[in-house]
Protein backbone atom coordinates (compact mmCIF):
# COMPACT_ATOMS: atom_id res chain seq x y z
CA UNK A 1 -4.58 24.13 -2.81
CA UNK A 2 -3.54 20.42 -2.30
CA UNK A 3 -0.30 20.11 -0.59
CA UNK A 4 2.18 17.67 -2.34
CA UNK A 5 4.81 15.30 -0.82
CA UNK A 6 4.81 13.28 -3.59
CA UNK A 7 8.42 11.35 -3.68
CA UNK A 8 9.23 12.76 0.03
CA UNK A 9 10.59 10.40 2.45
CA UNK A 10 9.04 11.41 6.51
CA UNK A 11 10.13 10.14 10.13
CA UNK A 12 7.06 10.85 12.22
CA UNK A 13 8.07 10.43 15.96
CA UNK A 14 5.22 9.62 18.24
CA UNK A 15 3.40 8.13 14.89
CA UNK A 16 1.30 5.81 16.03
CA UNK A 17 -1.38 7.40 18.29
CA UNK A 18 -3.14 11.00 18.52
CA UNK A 19 -1.37 14.39 16.62
CA UNK A 20 1.44 11.76 14.93
CA UNK A 21 -0.99 9.33 13.49
CA UNK A 22 -2.93 12.08 12.11
CA UNK A 23 0.31 13.71 10.70
CA UNK A 24 1.60 10.35 9.32
CA UNK A 25 -2.11 9.61 7.70
CA UNK A 26 -1.68 13.10 5.98
CA UNK A 27 1.84 12.56 4.61
CA UNK A 28 0.23 9.41 2.91
CA UNK A 29 -2.21 11.02 1.12
CA UNK A 30 0.11 13.79 0.26
CA UNK A 31 2.19 11.35 -1.73
CA UNK A 32 5.17 10.63 1.09
CA UNK A 33 6.72 7.56 2.37
CA UNK A 34 6.26 7.47 6.41
CA UNK A 35 8.23 5.65 9.13
CA UNK A 36 6.06 5.64 11.93
CA UNK A 37 8.18 5.62 15.26
CA UNK A 38 7.22 4.46 18.81
CA UNK A 39 8.58 3.51 21.67
CA UNK A 40 4.78 1.37 22.14
CA UNK A 41 5.22 -1.91 20.44
CA UNK A 42 1.42 -2.05 20.94
CA UNK A 43 0.66 1.27 19.68
CA UNK A 44 2.22 0.52 16.39
CA UNK A 45 0.52 -2.61 16.11
CA UNK A 46 -3.17 -1.09 16.48
CA UNK A 47 -1.63 1.25 13.79
CA UNK A 48 -1.18 -0.89 11.53
CA UNK A 49 -4.46 -2.66 12.20
CA UNK A 50 -6.51 1.01 12.50
CA UNK A 51 -5.01 2.05 9.23
CA UNK A 52 -4.64 -1.39 7.09
CA UNK A 53 -5.00 1.02 3.79
CA UNK A 54 -1.62 2.47 4.77
CA UNK A 55 0.93 -0.68 5.35
CA UNK A 56 1.86 -0.18 1.84
CA UNK A 57 3.04 3.42 2.23
CA UNK A 58 4.59 3.24 5.77
CA UNK A 59 7.00 1.72 7.66
CA UNK A 60 6.97 0.71 11.66
CA UNK A 61 9.67 1.45 13.90
CA UNK A 62 9.89 0.80 17.55
CA UNK A 63 12.62 2.93 19.27
CA UNK A 64 13.19 5.29 22.15
CA UNK A 65 14.27 8.97 21.42
CA UNK A 66 15.61 9.51 24.43
CA UNK A 67 18.53 6.88 23.68
CA UNK A 68 20.96 8.22 21.23
CA UNK A 69 21.68 4.87 20.21
CA UNK A 70 17.95 3.91 19.38
CA UNK A 71 17.62 6.91 17.16
CA UNK A 72 20.64 6.50 14.80
CA UNK A 73 19.28 2.67 15.02
CA UNK A 74 15.98 3.61 13.47
CA UNK A 75 17.25 6.52 11.77
CA UNK A 76 19.78 4.07 9.40
CA UNK A 77 17.17 1.44 9.17
CA UNK A 78 14.87 4.48 7.40
CA UNK A 79 17.05 5.46 5.23
CA UNK A 80 18.30 1.91 4.29
CA UNK A 81 14.70 0.68 3.48
CA UNK A 82 13.02 3.98 1.96
CA UNK A 83 15.89 6.10 1.32
CA UNK A 84 17.23 9.62 2.64
CA UNK A 85 14.94 11.30 5.09
CA UNK A 86 13.79 14.66 3.84
CA UNK A 87 11.27 15.18 6.55
CA UNK A 88 11.24 15.23 10.42
CA UNK A 89 8.48 15.27 12.62
CA UNK A 90 9.36 15.30 16.33
CA UNK A 91 6.25 14.66 17.71
CA UNK A 92 6.49 12.24 21.02
CA UNK A 93 5.68 13.58 24.40
CA UNK A 94 4.98 13.33 27.46
CA UNK A 95 3.43 14.99 30.64
CA UNK A 96 4.01 14.74 34.09
CA UNK A 97 2.31 17.18 35.71
CA UNK A 98 2.64 18.40 39.48
CA UNK A 99 2.40 21.82 40.92
CA UNK A 100 6.17 22.95 41.55
CA UNK A 101 5.93 22.08 44.90
CA UNK A 102 5.10 18.50 44.80
CA UNK A 103 7.37 18.16 41.57
CA UNK A 104 9.97 15.34 41.78
CA UNK A 105 13.40 15.68 40.24
CA UNK A 106 12.80 12.43 38.74
CA UNK A 107 9.63 14.13 36.87
CA UNK A 108 11.34 17.27 35.98
CA UNK A 109 14.06 15.27 34.24
CA UNK A 110 12.31 12.71 32.89
CA UNK A 111 9.58 15.33 30.94
CA UNK A 112 13.04 17.49 29.80
CA UNK A 113 14.43 14.46 28.61
CA UNK A 114 11.78 13.30 26.30
CA UNK A 115 10.24 16.50 25.22
CA UNK A 116 13.63 18.43 24.49
CA UNK A 117 16.52 15.99 24.66
CA UNK A 118 14.66 13.58 22.71
CA UNK A 119 13.93 16.27 20.13
CA UNK A 120 17.69 17.50 19.98
CA UNK A 121 18.62 13.39 19.37
CA UNK A 122 16.39 13.14 16.55
CA UNK A 123 17.44 16.38 14.63
CA UNK A 124 21.10 15.27 15.29
CA UNK A 125 20.44 11.88 13.58
CA UNK A 126 19.27 13.41 10.41
CA UNK A 127 19.80 17.10 9.56
CA UNK A 128 23.37 16.95 8.54
CA UNK A 129 22.65 15.11 5.87
CA UNK A 130 19.41 17.01 5.12
CA UNK A 131 21.73 19.85 4.89
CA UNK A 132 24.35 17.89 2.54
CA UNK A 133 21.35 17.15 0.08
CA UNK A 134 20.26 20.75 -0.05
CA UNK A 135 16.78 19.97 1.18
CA UNK A 136 14.76 19.58 4.52
CA UNK A 137 11.85 20.04 6.65
CA UNK A 138 12.18 19.30 10.05
CA UNK A 139 8.63 20.24 12.17
CA UNK A 140 8.83 20.34 15.65
CA UNK A 141 6.24 20.21 18.50
CA UNK A 142 5.93 22.99 21.28
CA UNK A 143 2.89 23.63 22.88
CA UNK A 144 0.46 25.97 24.28
CA UNK A 145 1.71 25.28 27.79
CA UNK A 146 5.29 26.87 26.98
CA UNK A 147 3.53 30.08 27.35
CA UNK A 148 3.25 28.93 31.61
CA UNK A 149 0.65 26.43 32.69
CA UNK A 150 0.22 25.99 36.85
CA UNK A 151 1.25 22.64 37.16
CA UNK A 152 3.50 22.33 34.16
CA UNK A 153 6.62 23.62 35.28
CA UNK A 154 8.37 20.81 33.41
CA UNK A 155 6.44 20.56 30.65
CA UNK A 156 6.31 24.51 29.96
CA UNK A 157 9.85 24.42 30.39
CA UNK A 158 10.63 21.65 27.87
CA UNK A 159 8.37 23.07 25.12
CA UNK A 160 9.63 26.54 25.48
CA UNK A 161 13.14 25.03 24.93
CA UNK A 162 12.08 23.58 21.68
CA UNK A 163 11.11 26.80 20.42
CA UNK A 164 14.38 28.20 21.40
CA UNK A 165 16.18 25.00 19.73
CA UNK A 166 13.80 25.49 16.70
CA UNK A 167 14.67 29.35 16.33
CA UNK A 168 18.57 28.57 16.70
CA UNK A 169 18.66 25.90 14.06
CA UNK A 170 16.49 27.82 11.49
CA UNK A 171 18.99 30.39 11.67
CA UNK A 172 22.15 27.60 11.14
CA UNK A 173 20.77 25.88 8.51
CA UNK A 174 18.62 28.30 6.20
CA UNK A 175 21.96 28.55 4.35
CA UNK A 176 21.46 24.86 3.40
CA UNK A 177 17.87 24.45 2.39
CA UNK A 178 16.80 23.07 5.56
CA UNK A 179 13.73 24.95 7.37
CA UNK A 180 13.14 24.66 10.72
CA UNK A 181 9.80 25.42 12.30
CA UNK A 182 7.36 24.20 15.48
CA UNK A 183 3.74 23.58 15.65
CA UNK A 184 2.07 24.73 19.28
CA UNK A 185 -0.67 22.82 19.89
CA UNK A 186 -3.64 23.88 22.25
CA UNK A 187 -5.58 21.24 23.84
CA UNK A 188 -6.43 18.63 21.58
CA UNK A 189 -8.58 15.39 21.69
CA UNK A 190 -5.84 12.65 22.06
CA UNK A 191 -4.97 10.24 24.70
CA UNK A 192 -2.99 12.52 26.37
CA UNK A 193 -5.79 14.29 26.81
CA UNK A 194 -8.49 11.59 27.55
CA UNK A 195 -6.40 10.84 30.23
CA UNK A 196 -6.82 14.10 32.46
CA UNK A 197 -9.69 14.24 35.29
CA UNK A 198 -12.80 15.60 33.35
CA UNK A 199 -12.69 18.79 35.48
CA UNK A 200 -9.35 19.47 34.14
CA UNK A 201 -10.64 18.86 30.24
CA UNK A 202 -13.89 21.43 31.36
CA UNK A 203 -11.41 24.39 32.50
CA UNK A 204 -9.05 23.96 29.45
CA UNK A 205 -12.40 24.19 27.36
CA UNK A 206 -13.75 27.49 29.02
CA UNK A 207 -10.24 29.01 28.22
CA UNK A 208 -10.60 28.35 24.61
CA UNK A 209 -12.43 31.18 22.47
CA UNK A 210 -13.45 28.70 19.93
CA UNK A 211 -15.18 26.81 22.73
CA UNK A 212 -13.59 23.24 22.02
CA UNK A 213 -10.90 21.13 21.47
CA UNK A 214 -8.86 20.14 18.21
CA UNK A 215 -9.00 17.28 16.66
CA UNK A 216 -5.96 15.76 15.78
CA UNK A 217 -6.35 16.48 11.54
CA UNK A 218 -6.87 20.05 12.12
CA UNK A 219 -3.26 19.95 14.08
CA UNK A 220 -1.67 17.68 10.95
CA UNK A 221 -2.77 20.10 8.76
CA UNK A 222 0.38 22.78 9.63
CA UNK A 223 2.45 19.60 9.69
CA UNK A 224 1.34 18.89 5.83
CA UNK A 225 1.45 22.83 4.91
CA UNK A 226 5.09 23.16 6.63
CA UNK A 227 6.51 19.86 5.43
CA UNK A 228 5.42 20.96 1.90
CA UNK A 229 7.18 22.98 -0.97
CA UNK A 230 4.97 25.97 -0.48
CA UNK A 231 6.29 26.58 3.18
CA UNK A 232 9.94 26.94 1.54
CA UNK A 233 10.15 30.46 2.49
CA UNK A 234 9.08 30.03 6.27
CA UNK A 235 11.62 28.98 8.71
CA UNK A 236 12.21 29.93 12.51
CA UNK A 237 8.42 30.19 13.18
CA UNK A 238 6.05 29.04 15.88
CA UNK A 239 2.62 28.32 14.75
CA UNK A 240 -0.07 28.00 17.35
CA UNK A 241 -2.92 26.24 16.86
CA UNK A 242 -5.09 26.58 19.54
CA UNK A 243 -8.52 27.87 18.73
CA UNK A 244 -7.83 31.56 19.84
CA UNK A 245 -6.14 30.95 23.13
CA UNK A 246 -2.79 32.61 22.73
CA UNK A 247 -3.80 35.37 21.50
CA UNK A 248 -5.12 36.43 24.98
CA UNK A 249 -1.36 35.72 26.19
């Protein structure tokens, strides 16, 4: 089954690289017009150069999801250029890993600010408009780490918070035609995981029943389904895509 997004406008944060770029590509192929947002202007430029075939169906926007003013500016620009936002994918995120005894207050707050508050800021910018129009798809990003992971107290707390936010908003907005779901990837081949020490990557892979990391396109496939009409009766759910790791929790 091919999932169709023809005529839909999608906003993908952290959309220039990794999973975000794979989601952006999948949505364009399904017929959507896609606004790709990233804080890194260089990443946006690289996205345009790497995927010239997508330029006619995408717009790129530099913005900071932790700044409500920046988020509002981007949301307004998208709707001015492309039309009302139908689909929001909250993909942008960071890690600052430390064992708890070495975790600074700054690293705690920054990871929550980007991964949790940034998600809140973007949702707040669009969800009431979705409700007024009677249609919307919000797809948030959690992580296998939400179940607990040594050295990631800040990240695990933020990603568990995203799940709580997802479930609560699903209940509040279900009567208004807006679904709110969450994708929770396991270890995936992205810039973030490539920056990790090789021994850390090997430890991850040893825990994965399928014996390998995910490709970004395998994660994006879930986003495509959740954004489509076929997922219209699905809300408040967390979809773990982790090669079987979470089965053991």
